[in-house]
């Protein structure tokens, strides 16, 4: 298994990161993609990615839109140029739109500029989308990204999912799927072909509903795979084979 979205560079993992890596290996979790979130955190993120030979993306999260957008985009452009031949750089992001957190036109502006960089460097994008699917879909239709990407932490219904799929995007499925009340998401996973999904946790955030006060980790992947297997009425080994194939194809791992 590969966790396609895990913030393993966050301080929540500083005390036991090496122990967690050993536990991941014991559960068949062989790698992870660490998304970038803010200019100031890139250096630590890259150091950790190199140490554990994890994949990474570089981007600016909508929660952390800086005052000087042009300066931040210049720095992102420079980092992408610096690492463009590094096989562990696999995407631009985490970037996107979030109407529940400091929503403004600046989110739209910095996302648009990051989509341009994704096209410039021929990389897929890792997208954050909260209560802003129509705005995001509009920008993606305009951008026409040749490498597509993933809408991470997807929680919408089959209709919204299909709109992203039609634009060449995959859907990141995480711990929310384990919640019986997540009816729209569970139905979407049941209805749509498995080749449209990626496996992720968003660690340390988005803990499953029954572990809400605990730190989330990539170890949750095993539960998510089992739940997908249950919903799709398909053997776990077949689920894993397709999900791994999806990640390899999208990110060219």
Protein backbone atom coordinates (compact mmCIF):
# COMPACT_ATOMS: atom_id res chain seq x y z
CA UNK A 1 0.00 0.00 0.00
CA UNK A 2 0.96 3.62 -0.53
CA UNK A 3 -0.62 6.47 1.41
CA UNK A 4 -1.08 9.05 -1.34
CA UNK A 5 -1.72 11.91 1.11
CA UNK A 6 -0.05 11.96 4.52
CA UNK A 7 1.49 14.99 6.23
CA UNK A 8 4.20 12.92 7.89
CA UNK A 9 6.43 15.97 8.23
CA UNK A 10 4.04 17.57 10.74
CA UNK A 11 5.17 18.09 14.37
CA UNK A 12 2.66 15.46 15.53
CA UNK A 13 5.08 12.81 14.19
CA UNK A 14 8.35 14.25 15.44
CA UNK A 15 8.47 12.09 18.58
CA UNK A 16 7.94 8.68 16.97
CA UNK A 17 8.31 8.99 13.21
CA UNK A 18 10.87 6.19 12.90
CA UNK A 19 8.73 3.84 14.99
CA UNK A 20 5.72 4.67 12.81
CA UNK A 21 7.70 3.85 9.67
CA UNK A 22 8.50 0.42 11.12
CA UNK A 23 4.82 -0.15 11.94
CA UNK A 24 3.84 0.92 8.42
CA UNK A 25 6.25 -1.59 6.92
CA UNK A 26 4.85 -4.32 9.15
CA UNK A 27 1.37 -3.56 7.77
CA UNK A 28 2.48 -3.57 4.14
CA UNK A 29 2.51 0.22 3.75
CA UNK A 30 5.61 0.71 1.66
CA UNK A 31 5.58 4.43 0.92
CA UNK A 32 3.75 7.75 1.17
CA UNK A 33 3.33 11.06 -0.63
CA UNK A 34 3.92 14.10 1.60
CA UNK A 35 2.06 17.16 0.26
CA UNK A 36 3.46 20.65 0.64
CA UNK A 37 1.34 23.20 2.48
CA UNK A 38 3.30 26.41 3.05
CA UNK A 39 6.54 28.03 1.93
CA UNK A 40 8.05 28.00 5.42
CA UNK A 41 7.51 24.25 5.85
CA UNK A 42 9.02 23.03 2.56
CA UNK A 43 12.57 22.59 3.83
CA UNK A 44 11.57 20.33 6.73
CA UNK A 45 9.19 18.44 4.44
CA UNK A 46 11.97 17.82 1.91
CA UNK A 47 14.45 16.73 4.58
CA UNK A 48 12.01 14.12 5.89
CA UNK A 49 11.09 12.96 2.39
CA UNK A 50 14.77 12.40 1.61
CA UNK A 51 15.45 10.63 4.93
CA UNK A 52 12.68 8.07 4.46
CA UNK A 53 12.70 8.03 0.64
CA UNK A 54 9.08 9.16 0.50
CA UNK A 55 7.48 10.92 -2.45
CA UNK A 56 6.49 14.57 -2.12
CA UNK A 57 4.60 17.40 -3.78
CA UNK A 58 5.18 21.13 -3.43
CA UNK A 59 2.42 23.69 -3.08
CA UNK A 60 0.58 26.26 -1.01
CA UNK A 61 -2.53 25.15 0.90
CA UNK A 62 -5.58 27.47 0.82
CA UNK A 63 -5.39 27.83 4.62
CA UNK A 64 -1.96 29.44 4.26
CA UNK A 65 -2.37 31.99 1.47
CA UNK A 66 0.41 34.56 2.04
CA UNK A 67 0.04 38.31 1.76
CA UNK A 68 2.51 38.45 -1.12
CA UNK A 69 1.18 35.89 -3.56
CA UNK A 70 3.61 36.76 -6.36
CA UNK A 71 6.61 36.23 -4.09
CA UNK A 72 5.28 32.87 -2.87
CA UNK A 73 4.60 31.69 -6.43
CA UNK A 74 8.11 32.73 -7.47
CA UNK A 75 9.52 30.62 -4.63
CA UNK A 76 7.31 27.68 -5.60
CA UNK A 77 8.40 28.00 -9.23
CA UNK A 78 12.04 27.98 -8.13
CA UNK A 79 11.57 24.88 -5.93
CA UNK A 80 9.77 23.00 -8.68
CA UNK A 81 12.55 23.90 -11.11
CA UNK A 82 15.18 22.79 -8.58
CA UNK A 83 13.53 19.39 -7.99
CA UNK A 84 11.96 18.76 -11.39
CA UNK A 85 14.40 15.93 -12.19
CA UNK A 86 14.01 14.33 -8.75
CA UNK A 87 11.95 11.16 -9.18
CA UNK A 88 10.35 11.71 -5.76
CA UNK A 89 8.69 14.99 -6.80
CA UNK A 90 5.33 13.76 -8.08
CA UNK A 91 2.85 16.66 -7.99
CA UNK A 92 2.00 20.30 -7.32
CA UNK A 93 0.01 20.81 -4.14
CA UNK A 94 -1.64 20.62 -1.76
CA UNK A 95 -3.56 23.53 -3.24
CA UNK A 96 -7.22 24.30 -3.69
CA UNK A 97 -10.23 26.13 -2.28
CA UNK A 98 -11.82 26.12 1.16
CA UNK A 99 -14.91 28.24 1.82
CA UNK A 100 -14.81 27.39 5.53
CA UNK A 101 -11.36 28.88 6.12
CA UNK A 102 -10.41 32.48 5.25
CA UNK A 103 -12.34 32.40 1.98
CA UNK A 104 -11.43 35.21 -0.40
CA UNK A 105 -10.51 35.89 -4.03
CA UNK A 106 -6.87 35.38 -3.01
CA UNK A 107 -7.55 31.65 -2.73
CA UNK A 108 -8.75 31.65 -6.33
CA UNK A 109 -5.75 33.66 -7.49
CA UNK A 110 -3.06 31.53 -5.86
CA UNK A 111 -4.76 28.32 -6.99
CA UNK A 112 -4.91 29.54 -10.58
CA UNK A 113 -1.19 30.34 -10.48
CA UNK A 114 -0.40 26.89 -9.06
CA UNK A 115 -2.43 25.23 -11.79
CA UNK A 116 -0.32 27.15 -14.30
CA UNK A 117 2.84 25.79 -12.67
CA UNK A 118 1.44 22.26 -12.79
CA UNK A 119 0.97 22.64 -16.52
CA UNK A 120 4.40 24.26 -16.93
CA UNK A 121 6.19 21.39 -15.19
CA UNK A 122 3.81 18.70 -16.49
CA UNK A 123 2.84 17.51 -13.02
CA UNK A 124 -0.52 16.40 -11.63
CA UNK A 125 -2.11 18.49 -8.86
CA UNK A 126 -3.22 17.48 -5.38
CA UNK A 127 -6.38 19.44 -4.65
CA UNK A 128 -8.10 20.46 -1.42
CA UNK A 129 -11.81 21.22 -1.91
CA UNK A 130 -14.25 22.22 0.84
CA UNK A 131 -17.66 23.66 -0.05
CA UNK A 132 -16.21 25.00 -3.31
CA UNK A 133 -16.66 22.28 -5.91
CA UNK A 134 -18.32 24.45 -8.55
CA UNK A 135 -15.64 27.14 -8.32
CA UNK A 136 -12.92 24.50 -8.45
CA UNK A 137 -14.49 22.69 -11.38
CA UNK A 138 -14.70 25.99 -13.24
CA UNK A 139 -10.98 26.66 -12.77
CA UNK A 140 -10.08 23.11 -13.79
CA UNK A 141 -12.16 23.33 -16.97
CA UNK A 142 -10.31 26.53 -17.83
CA UNK A 143 -6.86 25.15 -16.97
CA UNK A 144 -7.23 21.93 -19.00
CA UNK A 145 -4.37 20.22 -17.17
CA UNK A 146 -2.75 17.52 -19.26
CA UNK A 147 -1.69 15.45 -16.22
CA UNK A 148 -4.90 15.85 -14.21
CA UNK A 149 -4.59 15.11 -10.51
CA UNK A 150 -6.56 14.10 -7.45
CA UNK A 151 -9.27 15.70 -5.34
CA UNK A 152 -8.04 14.62 -1.95
CA UNK A 153 -10.33 13.79 0.97
CA UNK A 154 -13.29 13.53 -1.39
CA UNK A 155 -16.63 13.54 0.41
CA UNK A 156 -19.16 14.38 -2.34
CA UNK A 157 -21.77 12.39 -4.20
CA UNK A 158 -21.52 10.41 -7.43
CA UNK A 159 -22.63 13.36 -9.58
CA UNK A 160 -19.88 15.67 -8.30
CA UNK A 161 -17.40 12.80 -8.50
CA UNK A 162 -18.24 12.18 -12.14
CA UNK A 163 -17.60 15.84 -13.00
CA UNK A 164 -14.05 15.54 -11.68
CA UNK A 165 -13.58 12.18 -13.38
CA UNK A 166 -14.67 13.69 -16.70
CA UNK A 167 -11.82 16.21 -16.33
CA UNK A 168 -9.27 13.45 -15.78
CA UNK A 169 -9.11 13.59 -11.98
CA UNK A 170 -9.06 10.84 -9.43
CA UNK A 171 -10.69 10.93 -6.00
CA UNK A 172 -8.76 10.48 -2.77
CA UNK A 173 -10.65 8.23 -0.36
CA UNK A 174 -9.80 8.32 3.34
CA UNK A 175 -11.11 7.66 6.81
CA UNK A 176 -14.45 9.36 6.23
CA UNK A 177 -15.50 6.26 4.31
CA UNK A 178 -15.52 4.34 7.60
CA UNK A 179 -18.32 6.51 9.00
CA UNK A 180 -21.73 4.88 8.39
CA UNK A 181 -23.31 8.34 8.19
CA UNK A 182 -21.12 9.32 5.19
CA UNK A 183 -23.85 8.03 2.90
CA UNK A 184 -23.03 10.13 -0.19
CA UNK A 185 -19.39 9.09 -0.20
CA UNK A 186 -20.13 5.44 0.51
CA UNK A 187 -22.63 5.38 -2.34
CA UNK A 188 -20.15 7.05 -4.69
CA UNK A 189 -17.51 4.43 -3.87
CA UNK A 190 -20.09 1.68 -4.39
CA UNK A 191 -21.29 3.06 -7.74
CA UNK A 192 -18.13 4.24 -9.47
CA UNK A 193 -15.38 2.08 -11.01
CA UNK A 194 -12.40 1.43 -8.76
CA UNK A 195 -9.90 2.89 -11.23
CA UNK A 196 -11.04 6.40 -10.25
CA UNK A 197 -9.92 6.21 -6.60
CA UNK A 198 -6.74 6.71 -4.60
CA UNK A 199 -6.02 5.52 -1.09
CA UNK A 200 -5.08 8.16 1.51
CA UNK A 201 -5.35 9.16 5.17
CA UNK A 202 -4.50 12.90 5.42
CA UNK A 203 -2.56 12.02 8.57
CA UNK A 204 -2.43 13.37 11.23
CA UNK A 205 -5.85 14.90 10.40
CA UNK A 206 -9.16 13.26 9.42
CA UNK A 207 -9.10 10.49 11.99
CA UNK A 208 -11.91 7.92 11.60
CA UNK A 209 -15.15 8.72 13.40
CA UNK A 210 -14.47 6.13 16.10
CA UNK A 211 -10.97 7.47 16.77
CA UNK A 212 -11.84 11.16 16.59
CA UNK A 213 -9.63 12.22 19.49
CA UNK A 214 -6.62 10.25 18.29
CA UNK A 215 -3.86 11.14 15.88
CA UNK A 216 -4.50 9.67 12.45
CA UNK A 217 -1.70 7.67 10.82
CA UNK A 218 -1.17 5.71 7.59
CA UNK A 219 -2.03 2.56 9.54
CA UNK A 220 -5.68 3.49 8.95
CA UNK A 221 -5.20 2.40 5.33
CA UNK A 222 -5.88 -1.23 6.18
CA UNK A 223 -9.35 -0.34 7.51
CA UNK A 224 -10.14 1.79 4.47
CA UNK A 225 -9.17 -0.99 2.09
CA UNK A 226 -11.35 -3.45 3.99
CA UNK A 227 -14.30 -1.05 3.80
CA UNK A 228 -13.87 -0.54 0.06
CA UNK A 229 -13.71 -4.32 -0.32
CA UNK A 230 -16.98 -4.62 1.61
CA UNK A 231 -18.74 -1.91 -0.43
CA UNK A 232 -17.50 -3.22 -3.78
CA UNK A 233 -18.05 -6.87 -2.81
CA UNK A 234 -14.58 -7.61 -4.15
CA UNK A 235 -11.60 -9.41 -2.62
CA UNK A 236 -9.16 -7.18 -0.75
CA UNK A 237 -6.23 -8.30 -2.89
CA UNK A 238 -8.03 -7.12 -6.04
CA UNK A 239 -8.87 -3.79 -4.41
CA UNK A 240 -5.23 -3.24 -3.41
CA UNK A 241 -3.92 -4.18 -6.83
CA UNK A 242 -6.13 -1.61 -8.58
CA UNK A 243 -5.57 1.18 -6.04
CA UNK A 244 -1.79 0.74 -6.26
CA UNK A 245 -2.02 0.76 -10.04
CA UNK A 246 -4.01 4.01 -9.89
CA UNK A 247 -1.34 5.72 -7.79
CA UNK A 248 1.50 4.48 -9.97
CA UNK A 249 -0.23 5.68 -13.13
CA UNK A 250 -1.24 9.13 -11.88
CA UNK A 251 2.02 10.04 -10.16
CA UNK A 252 4.31 7.98 -12.44
CA UNK A 253 5.87 6.28 -9.41
